[in-house]
Amino acid sequence: MAEVTVTRVLRFNAAHRVHNPALSAEENAALFGKCNHPNWHGHNYRLEVSVRGPVDPRSGYVVDLGALRALVEREVIEQTDHRNFNIDVPYTRGINPTTENVVVAMWGVLAPAVAPARLVRLRLWETENNYADYHGD
Protein backbone atom coordinates (compact mmCIF):
# COMPACT_ATOMS: atom_id res chain seq x y z
CA MET A 1 0.00 0.00 0.00
CA ALA A 2 1.32 3.45 -0.91
CA GLU A 3 2.58 5.69 1.87
CA VAL A 4 2.27 9.43 1.48
CA THR A 5 3.39 12.42 3.54
CA VAL A 6 0.87 15.23 3.99
CA THR A 7 1.46 18.58 5.67
CA ARG A 8 -0.80 21.03 7.47
CA VAL A 9 0.33 24.62 8.15
CA LEU A 10 -0.82 26.53 11.23
CA ARG A 11 0.10 29.96 12.57
CA PHE A 12 0.35 31.46 16.04
CA ASN A 13 1.95 34.36 17.87
CA ALA A 14 4.09 33.96 20.95
CA ALA A 15 6.71 35.74 23.02
CA HIS A 16 9.89 34.48 24.60
CA ARG A 17 13.27 35.38 26.00
CA VAL A 18 16.24 33.31 24.96
CA HIS A 19 18.24 33.04 28.16
CA ASN A 20 20.47 30.53 29.92
CA PRO A 21 20.32 31.02 33.71
CA ALA A 22 23.67 29.24 34.08
CA LEU A 23 25.36 32.13 32.27
CA SER A 24 26.05 35.66 33.49
CA ALA A 25 24.05 38.62 32.19
CA GLU A 26 27.03 39.60 30.06
CA GLU A 27 27.42 36.08 28.61
CA ASN A 28 23.68 35.90 27.82
CA ALA A 29 23.78 39.30 26.13
CA ALA A 30 26.84 38.33 24.07
CA LEU A 31 25.42 34.93 23.08
CA PHE A 32 21.77 35.83 22.41
CA GLY A 33 21.87 39.56 21.60
CA LYS A 34 18.47 41.23 21.30
CA CYS A 35 16.75 37.86 21.79
CA ASN A 36 17.85 38.09 25.44
CA HIS A 37 15.89 41.29 26.12
CA PRO A 38 14.61 41.00 29.70
CA ASN A 39 11.12 42.22 28.73
CA TRP A 40 10.63 39.50 26.09
CA HIS A 41 10.04 39.78 22.37
CA GLY A 42 7.57 38.09 20.06
CA HIS A 43 7.24 36.35 16.72
CA ASN A 44 4.55 35.42 14.24
CA TYR A 45 5.28 31.70 14.03
CA ARG A 46 4.36 29.25 11.31
CA LEU A 47 4.22 25.54 12.14
CA GLU A 48 4.27 22.86 9.43
CA VAL A 49 3.09 19.46 10.66
CA SER A 50 3.94 16.57 8.33
CA VAL A 51 2.50 13.09 8.88
CA ARG A 52 3.06 9.93 6.88
CA GLY A 53 1.03 6.81 6.47
CA PRO A 54 -0.82 4.57 4.07
CA VAL A 55 -3.57 6.04 1.92
CA ASP A 56 -6.88 4.79 3.25
CA PRO A 57 -8.66 3.08 0.34
CA ARG A 58 -12.09 4.23 1.54
CA SER A 59 -11.33 7.95 2.06
CA GLY A 60 -8.25 8.43 -0.11
CA TYR A 61 -6.61 10.21 2.86
CA VAL A 62 -3.56 9.49 4.96
CA VAL A 63 -5.32 11.56 7.59
CA ASP A 64 -8.17 14.04 7.38
CA LEU A 65 -6.30 17.37 7.34
CA GLY A 66 -9.21 19.07 9.10
CA ALA A 67 -8.94 16.58 11.93
CA LEU A 68 -5.15 17.06 12.01
CA ARG A 69 -5.66 20.84 12.21
CA ALA A 70 -8.11 20.44 15.10
CA LEU A 71 -5.69 18.13 16.93
CA VAL A 72 -2.72 20.51 16.55
CA GLU A 73 -4.86 23.48 17.56
CA ARG A 74 -6.04 21.67 20.69
CA GLU A 75 -2.69 20.19 21.73
CA VAL A 76 -0.30 23.01 20.75
CA ILE A 77 -1.82 26.20 19.34
CA GLU A 78 -4.39 26.83 22.09
CA GLN A 79 -1.62 26.40 24.70
CA THR A 80 0.74 28.70 22.80
CA ASP A 81 -1.01 31.44 20.85
CA HIS A 82 -0.55 34.92 22.37
CA ARG A 83 1.37 33.36 25.26
CA ASN A 84 4.93 33.49 26.55
CA PHE A 85 7.01 30.34 26.02
CA ASN A 86 9.05 31.08 29.15
CA ILE A 87 6.16 31.30 31.59
CA ASP A 88 2.79 30.33 30.07
CA VAL A 89 3.28 27.21 27.94
CA PRO A 90 3.30 23.91 29.86
CA TYR A 91 5.31 21.92 27.32
CA THR A 92 8.16 24.50 27.28
CA ARG A 93 8.53 25.01 31.03
CA GLY A 94 12.13 24.69 32.13
CA ILE A 95 13.72 24.92 28.68
CA ASN A 96 15.49 27.78 26.94
CA PRO A 97 12.81 28.52 24.31
CA THR A 98 14.95 28.68 21.20
CA THR A 99 13.18 27.62 18.03
CA GLU A 100 15.17 24.38 18.16
CA ASN A 101 14.05 23.53 21.70
CA VAL A 102 10.44 24.56 21.07
CA VAL A 103 10.06 22.36 17.98
CA VAL A 104 11.44 19.35 19.91
CA ALA A 105 8.99 20.05 22.76
CA MET A 106 6.11 20.27 20.28
CA TRP A 107 7.14 16.91 18.85
CA GLY A 108 6.79 15.35 22.30
CA VAL A 109 3.20 16.57 22.45
CA LEU A 110 2.14 15.75 18.89
CA ALA A 111 3.92 12.48 17.98
CA PRO A 112 1.76 10.25 20.17
CA ALA A 113 -1.44 12.07 19.19
CA VAL A 114 -1.40 11.64 15.38
CA ALA A 115 -1.82 7.84 15.25
CA PRO A 116 -2.47 5.91 13.13
CA ALA A 117 -0.38 8.27 10.97
CA ARG A 118 3.28 8.90 11.92
CA LEU A 119 4.66 12.34 12.62
CA VAL A 120 7.67 12.64 10.31
CA ARG A 121 8.58 16.32 10.42
CA LEU A 122 7.81 19.50 12.28
CA ARG A 123 9.06 22.73 10.76
CA LEU A 124 8.76 25.78 12.99
CA TRP A 125 9.27 29.14 11.30
CA GLU A 126 10.28 31.83 13.79
CA THR A 127 10.66 34.51 11.12
CA GLU A 128 10.25 34.53 7.34
CA ASN A 129 13.97 33.74 7.12
CA ASN A 130 14.55 31.30 10.00
CA TYR A 131 13.11 27.90 10.81
CA ALA A 132 14.02 24.68 12.58
CA ASP A 133 13.15 21.18 11.35
CA TYR A 134 12.76 18.19 13.64
CA HIS A 135 12.28 14.61 12.46
CA GLY A 136 12.15 12.86 15.84
CA ASP A 137 15.77 11.83 15.71
C-alpha atoms as a PDB file:
ATOM      1  CA  MET A   1       0.000   0.000   0.000  1.00  0.00           C
ATOM      2  CA  ALA A   2       1.320   3.448  -0.912  1.00  0.00           C
ATOM      3  CA  GLU A   3       2.582   5.686   1.874  1.00  0.00           C
ATOM      4  CA  VAL A   4       2.271   9.432   1.476  1.00  0.00           C
ATOM      5  CA  THR A   5       3.391  12.421   3.536  1.00  0.00           C
ATOM      6  CA  VAL A   6       0.868  15.231   3.992  1.00  0.00           C
ATOM      7  CA  THR A   7       1.464  18.578   5.670  1.00  0.00           C
ATOM      8  CA  ARG A   8      -0.796  21.028   7.471  1.00  0.00           C
ATOM      9  CA  VAL A   9       0.329  24.618   8.154  1.00  0.00           C
ATOM     10  CA  LEU A  10      -0.821  26.525  11.230  1.00  0.00           C
ATOM     11  CA  ARG A  11       0.098  29.955  12.567  1.00  0.00           C
ATOM     12  CA  PHE A  12       0.345  31.460  16.037  1.00  0.00           C
ATOM     13  CA  ASN A  13       1.950  34.363  17.870  1.00  0.00           C
ATOM     14  CA  ALA A  14       4.087  33.960  20.955  1.00  0.00           C
ATOM     15  CA  ALA A  15       6.710  35.740  23.023  1.00  0.00           C
ATOM     16  CA  HIS A  16       9.894  34.479  24.599  1.00  0.00           C
ATOM     17  CA  ARG A  17      13.271  35.385  26.000  1.00  0.00           C
ATOM     18  CA  VAL A  18      16.240  33.314  24.955  1.00  0.00           C
ATOM     19  CA  HIS A  19      18.242  33.043  28.165  1.00  0.00           C
ATOM     20  CA  ASN A  20      20.473  30.531  29.924  1.00  0.00           C
ATOM     21  CA  PRO A  21      20.317  31.021  33.713  1.00  0.00           C
ATOM     22  CA  ALA A  22      23.671  29.236  34.083  1.00  0.00           C
ATOM     23  CA  LEU A  23      25.361  32.133  32.267  1.00  0.00           C
ATOM     24  CA  SER A  24      26.053  35.661  33.489  1.00  0.00           C
ATOM     25  CA  ALA A  25      24.051  38.617  32.188  1.00  0.00           C
ATOM     26  CA  GLU A  26      27.033  39.595  30.056  1.00  0.00           C
ATOM     27  CA  GLU A  27      27.415  36.080  28.606  1.00  0.00           C
ATOM     28  CA  ASN A  28      23.683  35.897  27.815  1.00  0.00           C
ATOM     29  CA  ALA A  29      23.777  39.297  26.126  1.00  0.00           C
ATOM     30  CA  ALA A  30      26.835  38.334  24.070  1.00  0.00           C
ATOM     31  CA  LEU A  31      25.421  34.933  23.083  1.00  0.00           C
ATOM     32  CA  PHE A  32      21.771  35.827  22.413  1.00  0.00           C
ATOM     33  CA  GLY A  33      21.875  39.560  21.600  1.00  0.00           C
ATOM     34  CA  LYS A  34      18.468  41.232  21.304  1.00  0.00           C
ATOM     35  CA  CYS A  35      16.748  37.856  21.788  1.00  0.00           C
ATOM     36  CA  ASN A  36      17.847  38.085  25.441  1.00  0.00           C
ATOM     37  CA  HIS A  37      15.887  41.292  26.116  1.00  0.00           C
ATOM     38  CA  PRO A  38      14.608  40.998  29.704  1.00  0.00           C
ATOM     39  CA  ASN A  39      11.120  42.219  28.732  1.00  0.00           C
ATOM     40  CA  TRP A  40      10.627  39.500  26.095  1.00  0.00           C
ATOM     41  CA  HIS A  41      10.035  39.784  22.374  1.00  0.00           C
ATOM     42  CA  GLY A  42       7.567  38.088  20.059  1.00  0.00           C
ATOM     43  CA  HIS A  43       7.236  36.352  16.723  1.00  0.00           C
ATOM     44  CA  ASN A  44       4.547  35.423  14.239  1.00  0.00           C
ATOM     45  CA  TYR A  45       5.280  31.705  14.033  1.00  0.00           C
ATOM     46  CA  ARG A  46       4.357  29.254  11.307  1.00  0.00           C
ATOM     47  CA  LEU A  47       4.215  25.539  12.136  1.00  0.00           C
ATOM     48  CA  GLU A  48       4.267  22.862   9.427  1.00  0.00           C
ATOM     49  CA  VAL A  49       3.088  19.464  10.664  1.00  0.00           C
ATOM     50  CA  SER A  50       3.941  16.565   8.327  1.00  0.00           C
ATOM     51  CA  VAL A  51       2.502  13.090   8.877  1.00  0.00           C
ATOM     52  CA  ARG A  52       3.064   9.930   6.880  1.00  0.00           C
ATOM     53  CA  GLY A  53       1.029   6.809   6.468  1.00  0.00           C
ATOM     54  CA  PRO A  54      -0.825   4.572   4.070  1.00  0.00           C
ATOM     55  CA  VAL A  55      -3.570   6.039   1.918  1.00  0.00           C
ATOM     56  CA  ASP A  56      -6.880   4.786   3.246  1.00  0.00           C
ATOM     57  CA  PRO A  57      -8.661   3.077   0.339  1.00  0.00           C
ATOM     58  CA  ARG A  58     -12.086   4.231   1.542  1.00  0.00           C
ATOM     59  CA  SER A  59     -11.334   7.949   2.056  1.00  0.00           C
ATOM     60  CA  GLY A  60      -8.254   8.430  -0.106  1.00  0.00           C
ATOM     61  CA  TYR A  61      -6.607  10.210   2.857  1.00  0.00           C
ATOM     62  CA  VAL A  62      -3.562   9.489   4.959  1.00  0.00           C
ATOM     63  CA  VAL A  63      -5.315  11.556   7.590  1.00  0.00           C
ATOM     64  CA  ASP A  64      -8.168  14.036   7.383  1.00  0.00           C
ATOM     65  CA  LEU A  65      -6.303  17.372   7.336  1.00  0.00           C
ATOM     66  CA  GLY A  66      -9.208  19.074   9.096  1.00  0.00           C
ATOM     67  CA  ALA A  67      -8.943  16.579  11.934  1.00  0.00           C
ATOM     68  CA  LEU A  68      -5.153  17.058  12.014  1.00  0.00           C
ATOM     69  CA  ARG A  69      -5.658  20.841  12.210  1.00  0.00           C
ATOM     70  CA  ALA A  70      -8.111  20.438  15.102  1.00  0.00           C
ATOM     71  CA  LEU A  71      -5.693  18.132  16.928  1.00  0.00           C
ATOM     72  CA  VAL A  72      -2.720  20.512  16.548  1.00  0.00           C
ATOM     73  CA  GLU A  73      -4.857  23.481  17.556  1.00  0.00           C
ATOM     74  CA  ARG A  74      -6.042  21.675  20.688  1.00  0.00           C
ATOM     75  CA  GLU A  75      -2.690  20.193  21.731  1.00  0.00           C
ATOM     76  CA  VAL A  76      -0.296  23.012  20.746  1.00  0.00           C
ATOM     77  CA  ILE A  77      -1.819  26.201  19.343  1.00  0.00           C
ATOM     78  CA  GLU A  78      -4.388  26.832  22.093  1.00  0.00           C
ATOM     79  CA  GLN A  79      -1.619  26.397  24.701  1.00  0.00           C
ATOM     80  CA  THR A  80       0.745  28.704  22.803  1.00  0.00           C
ATOM     81  CA  ASP A  81      -1.013  31.444  20.846  1.00  0.00           C
ATOM     82  CA  HIS A  82      -0.549  34.917  22.370  1.00  0.00           C
ATOM     83  CA  ARG A  83       1.374  33.364  25.260  1.00  0.00           C
ATOM     84  CA  ASN A  84       4.926  33.491  26.553  1.00  0.00           C
ATOM     85  CA  PHE A  85       7.008  30.341  26.023  1.00  0.00           C
ATOM     86  CA  ASN A  86       9.055  31.083  29.152  1.00  0.00           C
ATOM     87  CA  ILE A  87       6.160  31.299  31.588  1.00  0.00           C
ATOM     88  CA  ASP A  88       2.791  30.325  30.070  1.00  0.00           C
ATOM     89  CA  VAL A  89       3.281  27.214  27.943  1.00  0.00           C
ATOM     90  CA  PRO A  90       3.298  23.910  29.865  1.00  0.00           C
ATOM     91  CA  TYR A  91       5.306  21.921  27.322  1.00  0.00           C
ATOM     92  CA  THR A  92       8.158  24.502  27.277  1.00  0.00           C
ATOM     93  CA  ARG A  93       8.534  25.007  31.026  1.00  0.00           C
ATOM     94  CA  GLY A  94      12.126  24.694  32.131  1.00  0.00           C
ATOM     95  CA  ILE A  95      13.718  24.924  28.683  1.00  0.00           C
ATOM     96  CA  ASN A  96      15.490  27.776  26.942  1.00  0.00           C
ATOM     97  CA  PRO A  97      12.814  28.517  24.309  1.00  0.00           C
ATOM     98  CA  THR A  98      14.947  28.683  21.201  1.00  0.00           C
ATOM     99  CA  THR A  99      13.176  27.620  18.031  1.00  0.00           C
ATOM    100  CA  GLU A 100      15.169  24.384  18.161  1.00  0.00           C
ATOM    101  CA  ASN A 101      14.052  23.534  21.701  1.00  0.00           C
ATOM    102  CA  VAL A 102      10.441  24.564  21.072  1.00  0.00           C
ATOM    103  CA  VAL A 103      10.061  22.357  17.983  1.00  0.00           C
ATOM    104  CA  VAL A 104      11.443  19.349  19.911  1.00  0.00           C
ATOM    105  CA  ALA A 105       8.992  20.045  22.759  1.00  0.00           C
ATOM    106  CA  MET A 106       6.106  20.271  20.280  1.00  0.00           C
ATOM    107  CA  TRP A 107       7.142  16.910  18.850  1.00  0.00           C
ATOM    108  CA  GLY A 108       6.795  15.352  22.299  1.00  0.00           C
ATOM    109  CA  VAL A 109       3.201  16.573  22.453  1.00  0.00           C
ATOM    110  CA  LEU A 110       2.141  15.749  18.886  1.00  0.00           C
ATOM    111  CA  ALA A 111       3.922  12.484  17.976  1.00  0.00           C
ATOM    112  CA  PRO A 112       1.759  10.248  20.174  1.00  0.00           C
ATOM    113  CA  ALA A 113      -1.441  12.066  19.187  1.00  0.00           C
ATOM    114  CA  VAL A 114      -1.399  11.637  15.378  1.00  0.00           C
ATOM    115  CA  ALA A 115      -1.818   7.842  15.247  1.00  0.00           C
ATOM    116  CA  PRO A 116      -2.474   5.908  13.127  1.00  0.00           C
ATOM    117  CA  ALA A 117      -0.382   8.269  10.972  1.00  0.00           C
ATOM    118  CA  ARG A 118       3.277   8.901  11.918  1.00  0.00           C
ATOM    119  CA  LEU A 119       4.661  12.340  12.625  1.00  0.00           C
ATOM    120  CA  VAL A 120       7.675  12.638  10.312  1.00  0.00           C
ATOM    121  CA  ARG A 121       8.577  16.323  10.424  1.00  0.00           C
ATOM    122  CA  LEU A 122       7.810  19.504  12.279  1.00  0.00           C
ATOM    123  CA  ARG A 123       9.064  22.734  10.762  1.00  0.00           C
ATOM    124  CA  LEU A 124       8.759  25.777  12.992  1.00  0.00           C
ATOM    125  CA  TRP A 125       9.271  29.142  11.302  1.00  0.00           C
ATOM    126  CA  GLU A 126      10.275  31.832  13.793  1.00  0.00           C
ATOM    127  CA  THR A 127      10.661  34.505  11.116  1.00  0.00           C
ATOM    128  CA  GLU A 128      10.250  34.527   7.342  1.00  0.00           C
ATOM    129  CA  ASN A 129      13.972  33.737   7.117  1.00  0.00           C
ATOM    130  CA  ASN A 130      14.553  31.297  10.004  1.00  0.00           C
ATOM    131  CA  TYR A 131      13.108  27.900  10.805  1.00  0.00           C
ATOM    132  CA  ALA A 132      14.020  24.677  12.577  1.00  0.00           C
ATOM    133  CA  ASP A 133      13.147  21.182  11.354  1.00  0.00           C
ATOM    134  CA  TYR A 134      12.763  18.192  13.640  1.00  0.00           C
ATOM    135  CA  HIS A 135      12.279  14.605  12.462  1.00  0.00           C
ATOM    136  CA  GLY A 136      12.149  12.864  15.839  1.00  0.00           C
ATOM    137  CA  ASP A 137      15.770  11.831  15.715  1.00  0.00           C
END
